[in-house]
């Protein structure tokens, strides 16, 4: 017979091990993309990102790990602060082929969908939002706030794209965190098309059924408590 305390220790060990495996897969996906080469060598980059691994023991054990389909990662590693958004839009590897962002750098600079942290972090508790009915962007924001979820930033959408979940082949994914945008309206969409992907600006009030609103439950930084969205816009970053 295994005592209750021992079973909890085993369960906790397995949970952290599972999270560490997901973290390691993310790290390798980032390194395969080669984005770090624009700013630093692999060893330095790996060392800086690996510091985030210590936060995995603080991931809320009550979060539903079965929230997503099997190929949607529970967490994604965001190298913001080390690698600029422009560099993160370089080649991705998908099913053995290279895909590129189709937007020119000058146009990319004009797309704004929020301001993620200036430090690397983990976005935890990923929800693809695939079961939502078509919503206006304002309705979507209220829906996410009610569930203590935070809408994605562009960088989080790109991090998810690196993980190659099959869901990314279907529809457009909206990065709806817009409060720092130039007009605080509209959203930025990300869509995979053939051998390229597109970032675009969507200003329509009503979004069709092919749009998805991915979100996360919390963002975790080195040596800090998780930032849990609470409905207040200041908690979104």
C-alpha atoms as a PDB file:
ATOM      1  CA  UNK A   1       0.000   0.000   0.000  1.00  0.00           C
ATOM      2  CA  UNK A   2       1.252   3.485  -0.853  1.00  0.00           C
ATOM      3  CA  UNK A   3       0.509   6.215   1.659  1.00  0.00           C
ATOM      4  CA  UNK A   4      -1.340   9.313   0.515  1.00  0.00           C
ATOM      5  CA  UNK A   5       1.653  11.606   1.012  1.00  0.00           C
ATOM      6  CA  UNK A   6       3.922   9.271  -0.974  1.00  0.00           C
ATOM      7  CA  UNK A   7       1.399   9.084  -3.816  1.00  0.00           C
ATOM      8  CA  UNK A   8       1.190  12.882  -3.942  1.00  0.00           C
ATOM      9  CA  UNK A   9       4.993  13.062  -4.134  1.00  0.00           C
ATOM     10  CA  UNK A  10       5.026  10.567  -7.007  1.00  0.00           C
ATOM     11  CA  UNK A  11       2.239  12.418  -8.807  1.00  0.00           C
ATOM     12  CA  UNK A  12       4.050  15.724  -8.345  1.00  0.00           C
ATOM     13  CA  UNK A  13       7.307  14.242  -9.614  1.00  0.00           C
ATOM     14  CA  UNK A  14       5.556  12.874 -12.714  1.00  0.00           C
ATOM     15  CA  UNK A  15       3.807  16.199 -13.315  1.00  0.00           C
ATOM     16  CA  UNK A  16       7.042  18.196 -13.168  1.00  0.00           C
ATOM     17  CA  UNK A  17       8.822  15.609 -15.324  1.00  0.00           C
ATOM     18  CA  UNK A  18       6.060  15.943 -17.942  1.00  0.00           C
ATOM     19  CA  UNK A  19       6.398  19.738 -17.889  1.00  0.00           C
ATOM     20  CA  UNK A  20      10.184  19.484 -18.194  1.00  0.00           C
ATOM     21  CA  UNK A  21       9.795  17.239 -21.241  1.00  0.00           C
ATOM     22  CA  UNK A  22       7.528  19.818 -22.851  1.00  0.00           C
ATOM     23  CA  UNK A  23      10.029  22.562 -21.988  1.00  0.00           C
ATOM     24  CA  UNK A  24      12.916  20.602 -23.564  1.00  0.00           C
ATOM     25  CA  UNK A  25      10.909  20.033 -26.756  1.00  0.00           C
ATOM     26  CA  UNK A  26      10.235  23.770 -26.910  1.00  0.00           C
ATOM     27  CA  UNK A  27      13.908  24.585 -26.439  1.00  0.00           C
ATOM     28  CA  UNK A  28      14.914  22.314 -29.311  1.00  0.00           C
ATOM     29  CA  UNK A  29      12.203  23.780 -31.540  1.00  0.00           C
ATOM     30  CA  UNK A  30      13.547  27.302 -30.908  1.00  0.00           C
ATOM     31  CA  UNK A  31      17.120  26.210 -31.597  1.00  0.00           C
ATOM     32  CA  UNK A  32      16.097  24.408 -34.805  1.00  0.00           C
ATOM     33  CA  UNK A  33      14.471  27.621 -36.004  1.00  0.00           C
ATOM     34  CA  UNK A  34      17.873  29.308 -35.689  1.00  0.00           C
ATOM     35  CA  UNK A  35      16.458  32.627 -34.468  1.00  0.00           C
ATOM     36  CA  UNK A  36      19.041  32.819 -31.689  1.00  0.00           C
ATOM     37  CA  UNK A  37      21.842  33.099 -34.250  1.00  0.00           C
ATOM     38  CA  UNK A  38      20.805  36.681 -34.946  1.00  0.00           C
ATOM     39  CA  UNK A  39      21.799  37.746 -31.437  1.00  0.00           C
ATOM     40  CA  UNK A  40      24.008  35.147 -29.672  1.00  0.00           C
ATOM     41  CA  UNK A  41      25.528  31.683 -29.727  1.00  0.00           C
ATOM     42  CA  UNK A  42      23.616  28.542 -28.836  1.00  0.00           C
ATOM     43  CA  UNK A  43      25.278  27.919 -25.459  1.00  0.00           C
ATOM     44  CA  UNK A  44      24.564  31.411 -24.137  1.00  0.00           C
ATOM     45  CA  UNK A  45      21.020  31.360 -25.494  1.00  0.00           C
ATOM     46  CA  UNK A  46      20.322  27.939 -24.010  1.00  0.00           C
ATOM     47  CA  UNK A  47      21.667  29.036 -20.624  1.00  0.00           C
ATOM     48  CA  UNK A  48      19.463  32.141 -20.539  1.00  0.00           C
ATOM     49  CA  UNK A  49      16.310  30.281 -21.540  1.00  0.00           C
ATOM     50  CA  UNK A  50      16.972  27.297 -19.266  1.00  0.00           C
ATOM     51  CA  UNK A  51      16.701  29.597 -16.257  1.00  0.00           C
ATOM     52  CA  UNK A  52      12.939  29.490 -16.852  1.00  0.00           C
ATOM     53  CA  UNK A  53      12.907  25.763 -16.165  1.00  0.00           C
ATOM     54  CA  UNK A  54      13.052  26.410 -12.438  1.00  0.00           C
ATOM     55  CA  UNK A  55       9.545  27.877 -12.617  1.00  0.00           C
ATOM     56  CA  UNK A  56       7.951  24.600 -13.654  1.00  0.00           C
ATOM     57  CA  UNK A  57       7.529  23.477 -10.043  1.00  0.00           C
ATOM     58  CA  UNK A  58       5.319  26.548  -9.547  1.00  0.00           C
ATOM     59  CA  UNK A  59       2.851  25.676 -12.294  1.00  0.00           C
ATOM     60  CA  UNK A  60      -0.532  25.327 -10.622  1.00  0.00           C
ATOM     61  CA  UNK A  61      -1.246  21.630 -10.123  1.00  0.00           C
ATOM     62  CA  UNK A  62      -4.975  22.382 -10.367  1.00  0.00           C
ATOM     63  CA  UNK A  63      -4.717  23.501 -14.004  1.00  0.00           C
ATOM     64  CA  UNK A  64      -6.437  21.085 -16.343  1.00  0.00           C
ATOM     65  CA  UNK A  65      -3.694  19.372 -18.332  1.00  0.00           C
ATOM     66  CA  UNK A  66      -6.340  17.745 -20.549  1.00  0.00           C
ATOM     67  CA  UNK A  67      -7.579  21.124 -21.771  1.00  0.00           C
ATOM     68  CA  UNK A  68      -6.048  20.719 -25.213  1.00  0.00           C
ATOM     69  CA  UNK A  69      -5.783  18.033 -27.842  1.00  0.00           C
ATOM     70  CA  UNK A  70      -2.700  15.835 -27.630  1.00  0.00           C
ATOM     71  CA  UNK A  71      -0.508  17.914 -29.953  1.00  0.00           C
ATOM     72  CA  UNK A  72      -1.246  21.309 -28.386  1.00  0.00           C
ATOM     73  CA  UNK A  73       1.515  22.132 -25.879  1.00  0.00           C
ATOM     74  CA  UNK A  74       0.434  22.973 -22.352  1.00  0.00           C
ATOM     75  CA  UNK A  75       3.134  25.641 -22.156  1.00  0.00           C
ATOM     76  CA  UNK A  76       5.134  27.616 -24.681  1.00  0.00           C
ATOM     77  CA  UNK A  77       8.544  29.247 -24.229  1.00  0.00           C
ATOM     78  CA  UNK A  78       8.685  32.898 -25.319  1.00  0.00           C
ATOM     79  CA  UNK A  79      12.209  34.250 -26.018  1.00  0.00           C
ATOM     80  CA  UNK A  80      11.045  37.889 -26.034  1.00  0.00           C
ATOM     81  CA  UNK A  81      13.770  40.262 -24.882  1.00  0.00           C
ATOM     82  CA  UNK A  82      16.452  38.015 -26.359  1.00  0.00           C
ATOM     83  CA  UNK A  83      15.116  37.810 -29.916  1.00  0.00           C
ATOM     84  CA  UNK A  84      13.168  40.592 -31.620  1.00  0.00           C
ATOM     85  CA  UNK A  85       9.815  39.902 -33.246  1.00  0.00           C
ATOM     86  CA  UNK A  86      11.325  40.416 -36.710  1.00  0.00           C
ATOM     87  CA  UNK A  87      13.917  37.684 -36.108  1.00  0.00           C
ATOM     88  CA  UNK A  88      11.239  35.376 -34.728  1.00  0.00           C
ATOM     89  CA  UNK A  89       9.478  35.599 -38.095  1.00  0.00           C
ATOM     90  CA  UNK A  90      12.346  33.916 -39.938  1.00  0.00           C
ATOM     91  CA  UNK A  91      12.067  30.408 -41.377  1.00  0.00           C
ATOM     92  CA  UNK A  92      10.056  27.741 -39.597  1.00  0.00           C
ATOM     93  CA  UNK A  93      10.320  24.031 -40.264  1.00  0.00           C
ATOM     94  CA  UNK A  94       6.969  22.328 -40.804  1.00  0.00           C
ATOM     95  CA  UNK A  95       6.556  18.722 -41.949  1.00  0.00           C
ATOM     96  CA  UNK A  96       9.990  18.739 -43.530  1.00  0.00           C
ATOM     97  CA  UNK A  97       9.593  22.005 -45.417  1.00  0.00           C
ATOM     98  CA  UNK A  98      10.626  25.561 -44.668  1.00  0.00           C
ATOM     99  CA  UNK A  99       7.962  28.211 -44.419  1.00  0.00           C
ATOM    100  CA  UNK A 100       8.590  31.945 -44.303  1.00  0.00           C
ATOM    101  CA  UNK A 101       6.713  34.970 -43.118  1.00  0.00           C
ATOM    102  CA  UNK A 102       5.354  36.720 -46.201  1.00  0.00           C
ATOM    103  CA  UNK A 103       5.261  40.247 -44.783  1.00  0.00           C
ATOM    104  CA  UNK A 104       8.076  42.705 -45.410  1.00  0.00           C
ATOM    105  CA  UNK A 105       9.915  43.906 -42.318  1.00  0.00           C
ATOM    106  CA  UNK A 106       8.765  47.490 -42.865  1.00  0.00           C
ATOM    107  CA  UNK A 107       5.127  46.367 -42.785  1.00  0.00           C
ATOM    108  CA  UNK A 108       5.698  44.043 -39.859  1.00  0.00           C
ATOM    109  CA  UNK A 109       6.887  46.992 -37.784  1.00  0.00           C
ATOM    110  CA  UNK A 110       3.456  48.602 -38.222  1.00  0.00           C
ATOM    111  CA  UNK A 111       1.556  45.625 -36.823  1.00  0.00           C
ATOM    112  CA  UNK A 112       0.924  46.009 -33.117  1.00  0.00           C
ATOM    113  CA  UNK A 113      -1.070  43.710 -30.897  1.00  0.00           C
ATOM    114  CA  UNK A 114       0.208  44.457 -27.442  1.00  0.00           C
ATOM    115  CA  UNK A 115       3.461  44.584 -25.542  1.00  0.00           C
ATOM    116  CA  UNK A 116       4.680  41.321 -24.052  1.00  0.00           C
ATOM    117  CA  UNK A 117       7.277  41.329 -21.305  1.00  0.00           C
ATOM    118  CA  UNK A 118      10.791  42.414 -22.244  1.00  0.00           C
ATOM    119  CA  UNK A 119      12.127  39.243 -20.580  1.00  0.00           C
ATOM    120  CA  UNK A 120      11.826  35.582 -21.635  1.00  0.00           C
ATOM    121  CA  UNK A 121       8.865  33.844 -20.051  1.00  0.00           C
ATOM    122  CA  UNK A 122       6.580  30.827 -20.130  1.00  0.00           C
ATOM    123  CA  UNK A 123       2.975  31.100 -21.278  1.00  0.00           C
ATOM    124  CA  UNK A 124       1.117  28.375 -19.383  1.00  0.00           C
ATOM    125  CA  UNK A 125      -2.273  26.719 -19.837  1.00  0.00           C
ATOM    126  CA  UNK A 126      -2.724  27.189 -23.583  1.00  0.00           C
ATOM    127  CA  UNK A 127      -6.309  27.231 -24.855  1.00  0.00           C
ATOM    128  CA  UNK A 128      -6.797  27.297 -28.641  1.00  0.00           C
ATOM    129  CA  UNK A 129     -10.300  28.705 -28.326  1.00  0.00           C
ATOM    130  CA  UNK A 130     -11.619  26.356 -31.007  1.00  0.00           C
ATOM    131  CA  UNK A 131     -15.034  25.865 -29.415  1.00  0.00           C
ATOM    132  CA  UNK A 132     -16.034  29.520 -29.366  1.00  0.00           C
ATOM    133  CA  UNK A 133     -18.943  30.660 -31.485  1.00  0.00           C
ATOM    134  CA  UNK A 134     -18.135  33.558 -33.812  1.00  0.00           C
ATOM    135  CA  UNK A 135     -17.619  36.571 -31.554  1.00  0.00           C
ATOM    136  CA  UNK A 136     -16.981  40.240 -31.968  1.00  0.00           C
ATOM    137  CA  UNK A 137     -13.489  41.068 -30.708  1.00  0.00           C
ATOM    138  CA  UNK A 138     -14.938  42.912 -27.705  1.00  0.00           C
ATOM    139  CA  UNK A 139     -17.104  39.885 -26.863  1.00  0.00           C
ATOM    140  CA  UNK A 140     -14.071  37.641 -27.102  1.00  0.00           C
ATOM    141  CA  UNK A 141     -12.108  39.812 -24.687  1.00  0.00           C
ATOM    142  CA  UNK A 142     -14.953  39.657 -22.168  1.00  0.00           C
ATOM    143  CA  UNK A 143     -15.205  35.892 -22.630  1.00  0.00           C
ATOM    144  CA  UNK A 144     -11.494  35.433 -21.919  1.00  0.00           C
ATOM    145  CA  UNK A 145     -11.538  37.754 -18.905  1.00  0.00           C
ATOM    146  CA  UNK A 146     -14.442  35.811 -17.411  1.00  0.00           C
ATOM    147  CA  UNK A 147     -12.334  32.650 -17.593  1.00  0.00           C
ATOM    148  CA  UNK A 148      -9.203  34.343 -16.201  1.00  0.00           C
ATOM    149  CA  UNK A 149      -7.510  33.829 -19.548  1.00  0.00           C
ATOM    150  CA  UNK A 150      -5.298  36.306 -21.366  1.00  0.00           C
ATOM    151  CA  UNK A 151      -5.373  36.703 -25.163  1.00  0.00           C
ATOM    152  CA  UNK A 152      -2.213  35.869 -27.073  1.00  0.00           C
ATOM    153  CA  UNK A 153       0.500  38.233 -28.177  1.00  0.00           C
ATOM    154  CA  UNK A 154       1.999  37.773 -31.653  1.00  0.00           C
ATOM    155  CA  UNK A 155       5.137  36.269 -30.105  1.00  0.00           C
ATOM    156  CA  UNK A 156       3.030  33.604 -28.408  1.00  0.00           C
ATOM    157  CA  UNK A 157       1.319  32.744 -31.675  1.00  0.00           C
ATOM    158  CA  UNK A 158       4.711  32.332 -33.326  1.00  0.00           C
ATOM    159  CA  UNK A 159       5.930  30.158 -30.445  1.00  0.00           C
ATOM    160  CA  UNK A 160       2.872  27.975 -30.913  1.00  0.00           C
ATOM    161  CA  UNK A 161       3.535  27.815 -34.659  1.00  0.00           C
ATOM    162  CA  UNK A 162       7.036  26.458 -33.933  1.00  0.00           C
ATOM    163  CA  UNK A 163       5.404  23.555 -32.074  1.00  0.00           C
ATOM    164  CA  UNK A 164       3.521  22.525 -35.248  1.00  0.00           C
ATOM    165  CA  UNK A 165       0.158  21.572 -33.710  1.00  0.00           C
ATOM    166  CA  UNK A 166      -2.221  20.279 -36.378  1.00  0.00           C
ATOM    167  CA  UNK A 167      -4.788  22.890 -35.321  1.00  0.00           C
ATOM    168  CA  UNK A 168      -2.549  25.585 -36.840  1.00  0.00           C
ATOM    169  CA  UNK A 169      -3.436  24.230 -40.287  1.00  0.00           C
ATOM    170  CA  UNK A 170      -7.051  25.285 -39.810  1.00  0.00           C
ATOM    171  CA  UNK A 171      -8.287  28.852 -39.804  1.00  0.00           C
ATOM    172  CA  UNK A 172      -6.749  32.090 -38.597  1.00  0.00           C
ATOM    173  CA  UNK A 173      -5.531  32.715 -35.071  1.00  0.00           C
ATOM    174  CA  UNK A 174      -6.154  36.117 -33.563  1.00  0.00           C
ATOM    175  CA  UNK A 175      -3.723  37.854 -31.247  1.00  0.00           C
ATOM    176  CA  UNK A 176      -6.268  40.047 -29.522  1.00  0.00           C
ATOM    177  CA  UNK A 177      -4.110  41.740 -26.896  1.00  0.00           C
ATOM    178  CA  UNK A 178      -4.456  45.198 -28.409  1.00  0.00           C
ATOM    179  CA  UNK A 179      -4.457  47.726 -25.605  1.00  0.00           C
ATOM    180  CA  UNK A 180      -1.025  49.104 -26.586  1.00  0.00           C
ATOM    181  CA  UNK A 181      -1.860  49.284 -30.289  1.00  0.00           C
ATOM    182  CA  UNK A 182      -1.828  52.630 -32.091  1.00  0.00           C
ATOM    183  CA  UNK A 183      -5.634  52.891 -32.166  1.00  0.00           C
ATOM    184  CA  UNK A 184      -6.463  50.224 -29.553  1.00  0.00           C
ATOM    185  CA  UNK A 185      -8.793  48.599 -32.069  1.00  0.00           C
ATOM    186  CA  UNK A 186      -8.733  45.475 -34.156  1.00  0.00           C
ATOM    187  CA  UNK A 187      -6.626  42.374 -33.781  1.00  0.00           C
ATOM    188  CA  UNK A 188      -3.689  40.741 -35.520  1.00  0.00           C
ATOM    189  CA  UNK A 189      -4.238  37.378 -37.174  1.00  0.00           C
ATOM    190  CA  UNK A 190      -1.744  34.616 -37.952  1.00  0.00           C
ATOM    191  CA  UNK A 191      -2.466  32.050 -40.655  1.00  0.00           C
ATOM    192  CA  UNK A 192      -0.408  29.297 -42.228  1.00  0.00           C
ATOM    193  CA  UNK A 193      -0.691  29.198 -46.032  1.00  0.00           C
ATOM    194  CA  UNK A 194       1.267  26.728 -48.147  1.00  0.00           C
ATOM    195  CA  UNK A 195       4.966  27.437 -47.702  1.00  0.00           C
ATOM    196  CA  UNK A 196       4.437  30.710 -45.884  1.00  0.00           C
ATOM    197  CA  UNK A 197       2.503  32.258 -43.041  1.00  0.00           C
ATOM    198  CA  UNK A 198       0.883  35.639 -42.848  1.00  0.00           C
ATOM    199  CA  UNK A 199       0.359  38.210 -40.137  1.00  0.00           C
ATOM    200  CA  UNK A 200      -2.486  40.552 -40.924  1.00  0.00           C
ATOM    201  CA  UNK A 201      -4.555  43.248 -39.302  1.00  0.00           C
ATOM    202  CA  UNK A 202      -8.274  42.539 -38.758  1.00  0.00           C
ATOM    203  CA  UNK A 203     -10.485  45.504 -37.928  1.00  0.00           C
ATOM    204  CA  UNK A 204     -13.886  43.922 -38.416  1.00  0.00           C
ATOM    205  CA  UNK A 205     -16.248  43.738 -35.440  1.00  0.00           C
ATOM    206  CA  UNK A 206     -17.597  40.312 -36.325  1.00  0.00           C
ATOM    207  CA  UNK A 207     -15.184  37.436 -36.795  1.00  0.00           C
ATOM    208  CA  UNK A 208     -16.100  34.413 -38.880  1.00  0.00           C
ATOM    209  CA  UNK A 209     -16.052  30.756 -37.883  1.00  0.00           C
ATOM    210  CA  UNK A 210     -12.552  30.229 -39.288  1.00  0.00           C
ATOM    211  CA  UNK A 211     -11.048  32.525 -36.655  1.00  0.00           C
ATOM    212  CA  UNK A 212      -9.739  31.262 -33.319  1.00  0.00           C
ATOM    213  CA  UNK A 213      -8.822  33.205 -30.186  1.00  0.00           C
ATOM    214  CA  UNK A 214      -5.954  31.369 -28.450  1.00  0.00           C
ATOM    215  CA  UNK A 215      -5.172  32.374 -24.886  1.00  0.00           C
ATOM    216  CA  UNK A 216      -3.117  31.384 -21.842  1.00  0.00           C
ATOM    217  CA  UNK A 217      -3.854  31.052 -18.144  1.00  0.00           C
ATOM    218  CA  UNK A 218      -0.661  32.643 -16.796  1.00  0.00           C
ATOM    219  CA  UNK A 219       2.784  33.914 -17.728  1.00  0.00           C
ATOM    220  CA  UNK A 220       5.800  32.907 -15.661  1.00  0.00           C
ATOM    221  CA  UNK A 221       9.127  34.693 -15.405  1.00  0.00           C
ATOM    222  CA  UNK A 222      12.480  33.897 -13.821  1.00  0.00           C
ATOM    223  CA  UNK A 223      12.327  34.271 -10.031  1.00  0.00           C
ATOM    224  CA  UNK A 224       8.823  35.656  -9.946  1.00  0.00           C
ATOM    225  CA  UNK A 225       5.301  34.558  -9.243  1.00  0.00           C
ATOM    226  CA  UNK A 226       3.047  33.646 -12.168  1.00  0.00           C
ATOM    227  CA  UNK A 227       1.204  36.588 -13.681  1.00  0.00           C
ATOM    228  CA  UNK A 228      -2.391  35.394 -13.628  1.00  0.00           C
ATOM    229  CA  UNK A 229      -4.864  37.335 -15.769  1.00  0.00           C
ATOM    230  CA  UNK A 230      -7.678  38.630 -13.563  1.00  0.00           C
ATOM    231  CA  UNK A 231      -9.746  40.648 -16.010  1.00  0.00           C
ATOM    232  CA  UNK A 232      -7.708  43.805 -15.445  1.00  0.00           C
ATOM    233  CA  UNK A 233      -5.881  44.825 -18.652  1.00  0.00           C
ATOM    234  CA  UNK A 234      -2.741  45.507 -16.620  1.00  0.00           C
ATOM    235  CA  UNK A 235      -2.494  41.777 -15.933  1.00  0.00           C
ATOM    236  CA  UNK A 236      -2.218  40.958 -19.637  1.00  0.00           C
ATOM    237  CA  UNK A 237       1.502  41.617 -19.617  1.00  0.00           C
END
